[in-house]
Amino acid sequence: MKNDKVSLKEAVKFHGHLGPYLVLGILAGEMALNKFRCRKYLSLKVRVWGATKKPKSCLIDGLQLSTGATYGKGNIEKSIGPAIEIEFCNHSNNKKIILKFKQSLIEKLKRIKTHRDSELLAKRLYKTEYNELFNLIPKHL
């Protein structure tokens, strides 16, 4: 099933600025939709741990943009956790996956010192393959 890729221009218009966590949310959502071969908006329930404060919480805007899951529909939620972890559940078959950031990505994020660094990393991440950024863990019910 084909889902339209969220453009950086669209993301900035929605979120207000460009940053790596916004882009990572977009990419994580796209990866989940592709993995499940499902459509945006109503197919997924998304739960995010470890992204309750800025800048990490910007991840949630990227997830909303890419998956169509929203707080208004009640199909996205955030929880307190020690590290970022994103769980996607496909409503049609109840299959779940969990995405975690790869250690190499965490190290890149830690090196950000300025807003310019943040924007440059976001642009590079946008062009990066999913498997270079995330560990995907199937979850069995």
C-alpha atoms as a PDB file:
ATOM      1  CA  MET A   1       0.000   0.000   0.000  1.00  0.00           C
ATOM      2  CA  LYS A   2       1.410   3.409  -1.016  1.00  0.00           C
ATOM      3  CA  ASN A   3       1.510   6.241   1.516  1.00  0.00           C
ATOM      4  CA  ASP A   4       2.627   9.734   0.561  1.00  0.00           C
ATOM      5  CA  LYS A   5       5.907  10.818   2.105  1.00  0.00           C
ATOM      6  CA  VAL A   6       5.613  13.864   4.351  1.00  0.00           C
ATOM      7  CA  SER A   7       7.745  16.684   2.934  1.00  0.00           C
ATOM      8  CA  LEU A   8      10.037  18.742   5.153  1.00  0.00           C
ATOM      9  CA  LYS A   9       8.123  21.859   4.047  1.00  0.00           C
ATOM     10  CA  GLU A  10       4.828  20.296   5.201  1.00  0.00           C
ATOM     11  CA  ALA A  11       6.433  19.215   8.483  1.00  0.00           C
ATOM     12  CA  VAL A  12       7.802  22.697   9.226  1.00  0.00           C
ATOM     13  CA  LYS A  13       4.445  24.287   8.375  1.00  0.00           C
ATOM     14  CA  PHE A  14       2.723  21.989  10.885  1.00  0.00           C
ATOM     15  CA  HIS A  15       5.360  21.979  13.632  1.00  0.00           C
ATOM     16  CA  GLY A  16       6.873  25.467  13.320  1.00  0.00           C
ATOM     17  CA  HIS A  17      10.537  24.574  12.816  1.00  0.00           C
ATOM     18  CA  LEU A  18      12.805  21.802  11.568  1.00  0.00           C
ATOM     19  CA  GLY A  19      14.550  19.468  13.982  1.00  0.00           C
ATOM     20  CA  PRO A  20      15.781  15.887  14.138  1.00  0.00           C
ATOM     21  CA  TYR A  21      13.079  14.556  16.469  1.00  0.00           C
ATOM     22  CA  LEU A  22      10.342  15.826  14.132  1.00  0.00           C
ATOM     23  CA  VAL A  23      12.018  14.034  11.218  1.00  0.00           C
ATOM     24  CA  LEU A  24      12.539  10.866  13.250  1.00  0.00           C
ATOM     25  CA  GLY A  25       8.819  10.810  14.077  1.00  0.00           C
ATOM     26  CA  ILE A  26       7.986  11.106  10.379  1.00  0.00           C
ATOM     27  CA  LEU A  27      10.372   8.308   9.445  1.00  0.00           C
ATOM     28  CA  ALA A  28       9.262   6.012  12.271  1.00  0.00           C
ATOM     29  CA  GLY A  29       5.629   6.415  11.246  1.00  0.00           C
ATOM     30  CA  GLU A  30       6.406   5.772   7.597  1.00  0.00           C
ATOM     31  CA  MET A  31       8.392   2.666   8.524  1.00  0.00           C
ATOM     32  CA  ALA A  32       5.456   1.298  10.528  1.00  0.00           C
ATOM     33  CA  LEU A  33       2.933   1.970   7.750  1.00  0.00           C
ATOM     34  CA  ASN A  34       5.213   0.251   5.245  1.00  0.00           C
ATOM     35  CA  LYS A  35       5.880  -2.693   7.546  1.00  0.00           C
ATOM     36  CA  PHE A  36       2.170  -3.269   8.164  1.00  0.00           C
ATOM     37  CA  ARG A  37       1.185  -2.314   4.597  1.00  0.00           C
ATOM     38  CA  CYS A  38      -1.632  -0.185   5.959  1.00  0.00           C
ATOM     39  CA  ARG A  39      -3.050   3.277   5.343  1.00  0.00           C
ATOM     40  CA  LYS A  40      -2.784   6.465   7.368  1.00  0.00           C
ATOM     41  CA  TYR A  41      -5.310   7.857   9.809  1.00  0.00           C
ATOM     42  CA  LEU A  42      -7.222   4.921  11.290  1.00  0.00           C
ATOM     43  CA  SER A  43      -5.069   1.824  10.826  1.00  0.00           C
ATOM     44  CA  LEU A  44      -2.592   2.315  13.662  1.00  0.00           C
ATOM     45  CA  LYS A  45      -2.534   2.961  17.373  1.00  0.00           C
ATOM     46  CA  VAL A  46       0.723   4.598  18.447  1.00  0.00           C
ATOM     47  CA  ARG A  47       2.238   4.716  21.921  1.00  0.00           C
ATOM     48  CA  VAL A  48       5.435   6.640  22.655  1.00  0.00           C
ATOM     49  CA  TRP A  49       7.646   6.394  25.726  1.00  0.00           C
ATOM     50  CA  GLY A  50      10.435   8.781  26.706  1.00  0.00           C
ATOM     51  CA  ALA A  51       9.305  11.789  24.639  1.00  0.00           C
ATOM     52  CA  THR A  52       7.451  13.881  27.201  1.00  0.00           C
ATOM     53  CA  LYS A  53       9.698  17.000  27.076  1.00  0.00           C
ATOM     54  CA  LYS A  54      11.154  19.145  24.301  1.00  0.00           C
ATOM     55  CA  PRO A  55      12.988  18.540  22.047  1.00  0.00           C
ATOM     56  CA  LYS A  56      12.194  14.816  22.239  1.00  0.00           C
ATOM     57  CA  SER A  57       8.440  15.453  22.295  1.00  0.00           C
ATOM     58  CA  CYS A  58       8.745  16.917  18.774  1.00  0.00           C
ATOM     59  CA  LEU A  59       8.871  13.268  17.719  1.00  0.00           C
ATOM     60  CA  ILE A  60       5.136  13.079  18.413  1.00  0.00           C
ATOM     61  CA  ASP A  61       4.307  15.758  15.841  1.00  0.00           C
ATOM     62  CA  GLY A  62       6.245  13.778  13.232  1.00  0.00           C
ATOM     63  CA  LEU A  63       4.356  10.625  14.172  1.00  0.00           C
ATOM     64  CA  GLN A  64       1.023  12.425  13.875  1.00  0.00           C
ATOM     65  CA  LEU A  65       1.955  13.769  10.441  1.00  0.00           C
ATOM     66  CA  SER A  66       3.175  10.472   9.024  1.00  0.00           C
ATOM     67  CA  THR A  67       0.607   8.085  10.516  1.00  0.00           C
ATOM     68  CA  GLY A  68      -2.436  10.295  10.849  1.00  0.00           C
ATOM     69  CA  ALA A  69      -2.807   9.136  14.469  1.00  0.00           C
ATOM     70  CA  THR A  70      -3.952  12.074  16.606  1.00  0.00           C
ATOM     71  CA  TYR A  71      -4.845  12.902  20.177  1.00  0.00           C
ATOM     72  CA  GLY A  72      -8.323  13.886  19.002  1.00  0.00           C
ATOM     73  CA  LYS A  73      -8.998  10.404  17.602  1.00  0.00           C
ATOM     74  CA  GLY A  74      -7.357   8.848  20.643  1.00  0.00           C
ATOM     75  CA  ASN A  75      -5.030   6.650  18.625  1.00  0.00           C
ATOM     76  CA  ILE A  76      -1.769   8.158  19.861  1.00  0.00           C
ATOM     77  CA  GLU A  77      -0.543   8.513  23.425  1.00  0.00           C
ATOM     78  CA  LYS A  78       2.659   9.404  25.239  1.00  0.00           C
ATOM     79  CA  SER A  79       4.014   7.813  28.372  1.00  0.00           C
ATOM     80  CA  ILE A  80       6.922   8.442  30.705  1.00  0.00           C
ATOM     81  CA  GLY A  81       9.914   6.226  30.049  1.00  0.00           C
ATOM     82  CA  PRO A  82      13.699   6.239  30.389  1.00  0.00           C
ATOM     83  CA  ALA A  83      14.361   6.110  26.627  1.00  0.00           C
ATOM     84  CA  ILE A  84      12.438   6.711  23.433  1.00  0.00           C
ATOM     85  CA  GLU A  85      10.458   3.679  22.364  1.00  0.00           C
ATOM     86  CA  ILE A  86       7.565   3.693  19.889  1.00  0.00           C
ATOM     87  CA  GLU A  87       4.954   0.950  19.776  1.00  0.00           C
ATOM     88  CA  PHE A  88       2.699   0.612  16.743  1.00  0.00           C
ATOM     89  CA  CYS A  89      -0.353  -1.639  16.775  1.00  0.00           C
ATOM     90  CA  ASN A  90      -2.156  -2.482  13.539  1.00  0.00           C
ATOM     91  CA  HIS A  91      -5.910  -2.443  14.274  1.00  0.00           C
ATOM     92  CA  SER A  92      -6.804  -4.884  11.501  1.00  0.00           C
ATOM     93  CA  ASN A  93      -4.752  -7.812  12.819  1.00  0.00           C
ATOM     94  CA  ASN A  94      -3.543  -6.650  16.277  1.00  0.00           C
ATOM     95  CA  LYS A  95       0.101  -7.156  15.275  1.00  0.00           C
ATOM     96  CA  LYS A  96       2.561  -4.904  17.091  1.00  0.00           C
ATOM     97  CA  ILE A  97       6.074  -3.669  16.500  1.00  0.00           C
ATOM     98  CA  ILE A  98       8.355  -1.563  18.646  1.00  0.00           C
ATOM     99  CA  LEU A  99      10.945   0.853  17.275  1.00  0.00           C
ATOM    100  CA  LYS A 100      13.950   1.936  19.292  1.00  0.00           C
ATOM    101  CA  PHE A 101      16.691   4.343  18.277  1.00  0.00           C
ATOM    102  CA  LYS A 102      19.978   2.725  17.286  1.00  0.00           C
ATOM    103  CA  GLN A 103      22.912   3.648  19.504  1.00  0.00           C
ATOM    104  CA  SER A 104      24.658   5.395  16.588  1.00  0.00           C
ATOM    105  CA  LEU A 105      21.620   7.674  16.208  1.00  0.00           C
ATOM    106  CA  ILE A 106      21.552   8.443  19.933  1.00  0.00           C
ATOM    107  CA  GLU A 107      25.211   9.483  19.719  1.00  0.00           C
ATOM    108  CA  LYS A 108      24.473  11.837  16.790  1.00  0.00           C
ATOM    109  CA  LEU A 109      21.605  13.438  18.711  1.00  0.00           C
ATOM    110  CA  LYS A 110      23.849  13.983  21.747  1.00  0.00           C
ATOM    111  CA  ARG A 111      26.351  15.928  19.621  1.00  0.00           C
ATOM    112  CA  ILE A 112      23.832  18.667  18.720  1.00  0.00           C
ATOM    113  CA  LYS A 113      24.978  21.992  20.164  1.00  0.00           C
ATOM    114  CA  THR A 114      23.211  24.662  18.088  1.00  0.00           C
ATOM    115  CA  HIS A 115      19.968  25.218  16.192  1.00  0.00           C
ATOM    116  CA  ARG A 116      21.984  25.017  12.950  1.00  0.00           C
ATOM    117  CA  ASP A 117      23.401  21.623  13.999  1.00  0.00           C
ATOM    118  CA  SER A 118      19.839  20.509  14.681  1.00  0.00           C
ATOM    119  CA  GLU A 119      18.549  21.569  11.257  1.00  0.00           C
ATOM    120  CA  LEU A 120      21.503  20.045   9.405  1.00  0.00           C
ATOM    121  CA  LEU A 121      21.093  16.720  11.189  1.00  0.00           C
ATOM    122  CA  ALA A 122      17.342  16.761  10.492  1.00  0.00           C
ATOM    123  CA  LYS A 123      17.971  17.192   6.749  1.00  0.00           C
ATOM    124  CA  ARG A 124      20.517  14.347   6.744  1.00  0.00           C
ATOM    125  CA  LEU A 125      18.227  12.043   8.726  1.00  0.00           C
ATOM    126  CA  TYR A 126      15.343  12.692   6.306  1.00  0.00           C
ATOM    127  CA  LYS A 127      17.419  11.041   3.552  1.00  0.00           C
ATOM    128  CA  THR A 128      18.555   8.088   5.698  1.00  0.00           C
ATOM    129  CA  GLU A 129      17.254   4.527   5.362  1.00  0.00           C
ATOM    130  CA  TYR A 130      14.995   3.395   8.217  1.00  0.00           C
ATOM    131  CA  ASN A 131      17.185   0.430   9.117  1.00  0.00           C
ATOM    132  CA  GLU A 132      20.125   2.763   9.793  1.00  0.00           C
ATOM    133  CA  LEU A 133      18.104   4.642  12.425  1.00  0.00           C
ATOM    134  CA  PHE A 134      15.805   2.180  14.169  1.00  0.00           C
ATOM    135  CA  ASN A 135      15.843  -1.261  15.689  1.00  0.00           C
ATOM    136  CA  LEU A 136      12.551  -2.951  14.877  1.00  0.00           C
ATOM    137  CA  ILE A 137      11.269  -5.467  17.392  1.00  0.00           C
ATOM    138  CA  PRO A 138       8.190  -7.568  16.539  1.00  0.00           C
ATOM    139  CA  LYS A 139       5.921  -7.903  19.554  1.00  0.00           C
ATOM    140  CA  HIS A 140       3.703 -10.914  19.990  1.00  0.00           C
ATOM    141  CA  LEU A 141       0.499 -10.696  21.971  1.00  0.00           C
END
